[in-house]
Amino acid sequence: MIITVNGETVAVTAGRLSEILEELGYGGEKVATAVNETFVPAAARAELALAPGDRLEIVAPRQGG
């Protein structure tokens, strides 16, 4: 399925948000997610199925000063 991740077109095989995060290498990281401009809490990621054309934003915290 083709979705947009952080502004870039990406092909993924997974369907649920938690699986997509694993596939993209974010499985063990603390990140914030939004699908189609709606925040998705971590507890809801396993339930949320994405569809072709959906827009996923992944934001990871940064350290530094």
N, C-alpha and C. Protein backbone atom coordinates (compact mmCIF):
# COMPACT_ATOMS: atom_id res chain seq x y z
N MET A 1 0.85 -1.16 0.00
CA MET A 1 0.00 0.00 0.00
C MET A 1 0.90 1.23 0.00
N ILE A 2 0.47 2.25 -0.68
CA ILE A 2 1.21 3.51 -0.77
C ILE A 2 0.59 4.53 0.18
N ILE A 3 1.41 5.06 1.10
CA ILE A 3 0.99 6.12 2.00
C ILE A 3 2.05 7.22 1.97
N THR A 4 1.75 8.32 2.61
CA THR A 4 2.72 9.41 2.73
C THR A 4 3.20 9.44 4.18
N VAL A 5 4.51 9.37 4.36
CA VAL A 5 5.11 9.40 5.70
C VAL A 5 6.01 10.62 5.78
N ASN A 6 5.66 11.53 6.66
CA ASN A 6 6.44 12.76 6.85
C ASN A 6 6.72 13.45 5.51
N GLY A 7 5.70 13.48 4.66
CA GLY A 7 5.80 14.19 3.40
C GLY A 7 6.38 13.41 2.24
N GLU A 8 6.80 12.17 2.47
CA GLU A 8 7.39 11.35 1.41
C GLU A 8 6.50 10.15 1.10
N THR A 9 6.37 9.80 -0.16
CA THR A 9 5.60 8.64 -0.57
C THR A 9 6.36 7.37 -0.23
N VAL A 10 5.68 6.45 0.45
CA VAL A 10 6.32 5.22 0.93
C VAL A 10 5.39 4.05 0.65
N ALA A 11 5.97 2.92 0.25
CA ALA A 11 5.21 1.68 0.09
C ALA A 11 5.41 0.83 1.34
N VAL A 12 4.31 0.39 1.94
CA VAL A 12 4.38 -0.46 3.13
C VAL A 12 3.52 -1.71 2.89
N THR A 13 3.87 -2.79 3.57
CA THR A 13 3.08 -4.01 3.46
C THR A 13 2.13 -4.17 4.63
N ALA A 14 2.45 -3.56 5.77
CA ALA A 14 1.60 -3.66 6.97
C ALA A 14 0.35 -2.81 6.78
N GLY A 15 -0.67 -3.11 7.58
CA GLY A 15 -1.93 -2.37 7.47
C GLY A 15 -2.26 -1.54 8.69
N ARG A 16 -1.88 -2.00 9.87
CA ARG A 16 -2.19 -1.27 11.10
C ARG A 16 -1.03 -0.35 11.48
N LEU A 17 -1.36 0.74 12.13
CA LEU A 17 -0.34 1.75 12.44
C LEU A 17 0.82 1.16 13.24
N SER A 18 0.55 0.35 14.25
CA SER A 18 1.64 -0.23 15.04
C SER A 18 2.57 -1.08 14.18
N GLU A 19 2.00 -1.81 13.23
CA GLU A 19 2.80 -2.66 12.34
C GLU A 19 3.61 -1.82 11.36
N ILE A 20 3.02 -0.74 10.89
CA ILE A 20 3.72 0.16 9.97
C ILE A 20 4.92 0.80 10.68
N LEU A 21 4.74 1.21 11.93
CA LEU A 21 5.85 1.78 12.69
C LEU A 21 6.99 0.76 12.82
N GLU A 22 6.65 -0.49 13.09
CA GLU A 22 7.67 -1.55 13.15
C GLU A 22 8.39 -1.67 11.81
N GLU A 23 7.61 -1.73 10.74
CA GLU A 23 8.18 -1.89 9.39
C GLU A 23 9.12 -0.74 9.03
N LEU A 24 8.80 0.45 9.50
CA LEU A 24 9.61 1.63 9.17
C LEU A 24 10.77 1.83 10.14
N GLY A 25 10.90 0.95 11.14
CA GLY A 25 12.03 1.03 12.06
C GLY A 25 11.78 1.84 13.31
N TYR A 26 10.53 2.17 13.61
CA TYR A 26 10.20 2.96 14.79
C TYR A 26 9.61 2.12 15.92
N GLY A 27 9.65 0.80 15.82
CA GLY A 27 8.96 -0.07 16.76
C GLY A 27 9.28 0.15 18.21
N GLY A 28 10.54 0.30 18.57
CA GLY A 28 10.91 0.44 19.97
C GLY A 28 11.09 1.87 20.43
N GLU A 29 10.85 2.83 19.55
CA GLU A 29 11.10 4.23 19.89
C GLU A 29 9.86 4.91 20.43
N LYS A 30 10.10 5.93 21.23
CA LYS A 30 9.01 6.79 21.72
C LYS A 30 8.78 7.85 20.66
N VAL A 31 7.63 7.80 20.01
CA VAL A 31 7.31 8.76 18.97
C VAL A 31 5.87 9.22 19.14
N ALA A 32 5.55 10.35 18.56
CA ALA A 32 4.18 10.82 18.46
C ALA A 32 3.73 10.56 17.03
N THR A 33 2.45 10.22 16.86
CA THR A 33 1.95 9.92 15.52
C THR A 33 0.65 10.65 15.25
N ALA A 34 0.46 11.00 13.98
CA ALA A 34 -0.79 11.58 13.52
C ALA A 34 -1.11 10.97 12.16
N VAL A 35 -2.36 10.64 11.94
CA VAL A 35 -2.81 10.11 10.66
C VAL A 35 -3.85 11.08 10.11
N ASN A 36 -3.59 11.55 8.91
CA ASN A 36 -4.48 12.53 8.27
C ASN A 36 -4.75 13.72 9.20
N GLU A 37 -3.68 14.18 9.84
CA GLU A 37 -3.67 15.37 10.69
C GLU A 37 -4.43 15.18 12.00
N THR A 38 -4.70 13.94 12.41
CA THR A 38 -5.35 13.65 13.68
C THR A 38 -4.39 12.86 14.56
N PHE A 39 -4.12 13.37 15.76
CA PHE A 39 -3.22 12.70 16.69
C PHE A 39 -3.73 11.31 17.02
N VAL A 40 -2.80 10.34 17.05
CA VAL A 40 -3.15 8.96 17.41
C VAL A 40 -2.34 8.58 18.64
N PRO A 41 -3.00 8.36 19.80
CA PRO A 41 -2.26 7.95 20.99
C PRO A 41 -1.65 6.57 20.83
N ALA A 42 -0.57 6.31 21.54
CA ALA A 42 0.12 5.03 21.43
C ALA A 42 -0.81 3.86 21.70
N ALA A 43 -1.73 4.00 22.62
CA ALA A 43 -2.64 2.91 22.97
C ALA A 43 -3.59 2.55 21.84
N ALA A 44 -3.80 3.44 20.89
CA ALA A 44 -4.74 3.20 19.79
C ALA A 44 -4.07 2.70 18.51
N ARG A 45 -2.76 2.64 18.48
CA ARG A 45 -2.03 2.32 17.25
C ARG A 45 -2.30 0.90 16.75
N ALA A 46 -2.45 -0.06 17.65
CA ALA A 46 -2.67 -1.45 17.23
C ALA A 46 -4.05 -1.63 16.60
N GLU A 47 -4.98 -0.75 16.90
CA GLU A 47 -6.35 -0.86 16.39
C GLU A 47 -6.57 -0.10 15.07
N LEU A 48 -5.70 0.87 14.79
CA LEU A 48 -5.94 1.76 13.65
C LEU A 48 -5.37 1.19 12.35
N ALA A 49 -6.26 0.93 11.41
CA ALA A 49 -5.85 0.46 10.08
C ALA A 49 -5.74 1.67 9.15
N LEU A 50 -4.64 1.73 8.42
CA LEU A 50 -4.46 2.78 7.44
C LEU A 50 -4.95 2.32 6.08
N ALA A 51 -5.25 3.26 5.21
CA ALA A 51 -5.73 2.98 3.86
C ALA A 51 -4.77 3.63 2.87
N PRO A 52 -4.74 3.12 1.64
CA PRO A 52 -3.88 3.75 0.63
C PRO A 52 -4.17 5.25 0.53
N GLY A 53 -3.11 6.02 0.48
CA GLY A 53 -3.25 7.47 0.36
C GLY A 53 -3.26 8.21 1.68
N ASP A 54 -3.34 7.48 2.81
CA ASP A 54 -3.33 8.15 4.11
C ASP A 54 -2.00 8.86 4.31
N ARG A 55 -2.04 9.90 5.16
CA ARG A 55 -0.85 10.68 5.49
C ARG A 55 -0.48 10.42 6.94
N LEU A 56 0.72 9.90 7.15
CA LEU A 56 1.22 9.59 8.48
C LEU A 56 2.36 10.54 8.83
N GLU A 57 2.27 11.16 9.99
CA GLU A 57 3.35 11.98 10.51
C GLU A 57 3.91 11.29 11.73
N ILE A 58 5.23 11.17 11.78
CA ILE A 58 5.93 10.55 12.91
C ILE A 58 6.91 11.58 13.44
N VAL A 59 6.80 11.89 14.73
CA VAL A 59 7.67 12.88 15.34
C VAL A 59 8.37 12.22 16.51
N ALA A 60 9.71 12.26 16.48
CA ALA A 60 10.52 11.70 17.56
C ALA A 60 11.10 12.86 18.38
N PRO A 61 11.13 12.73 19.71
CA PRO A 61 11.73 13.79 20.53
C PRO A 61 13.23 13.88 20.29
N ARG A 62 13.76 15.06 20.44
CA ARG A 62 15.20 15.28 20.27
C ARG A 62 15.78 15.82 21.56
N GLN A 63 17.00 15.43 21.83
CA GLN A 63 17.68 15.95 23.01
C GLN A 63 18.75 16.93 22.57
N GLY A 64 19.08 17.78 23.45
CA GLY A 64 20.12 18.76 23.13
C GLY A 64 19.72 20.13 23.63
N GLY A 65 20.58 21.09 23.35
CA GLY A 65 20.26 22.39 23.88
C GLY A 65 20.59 23.48 22.97
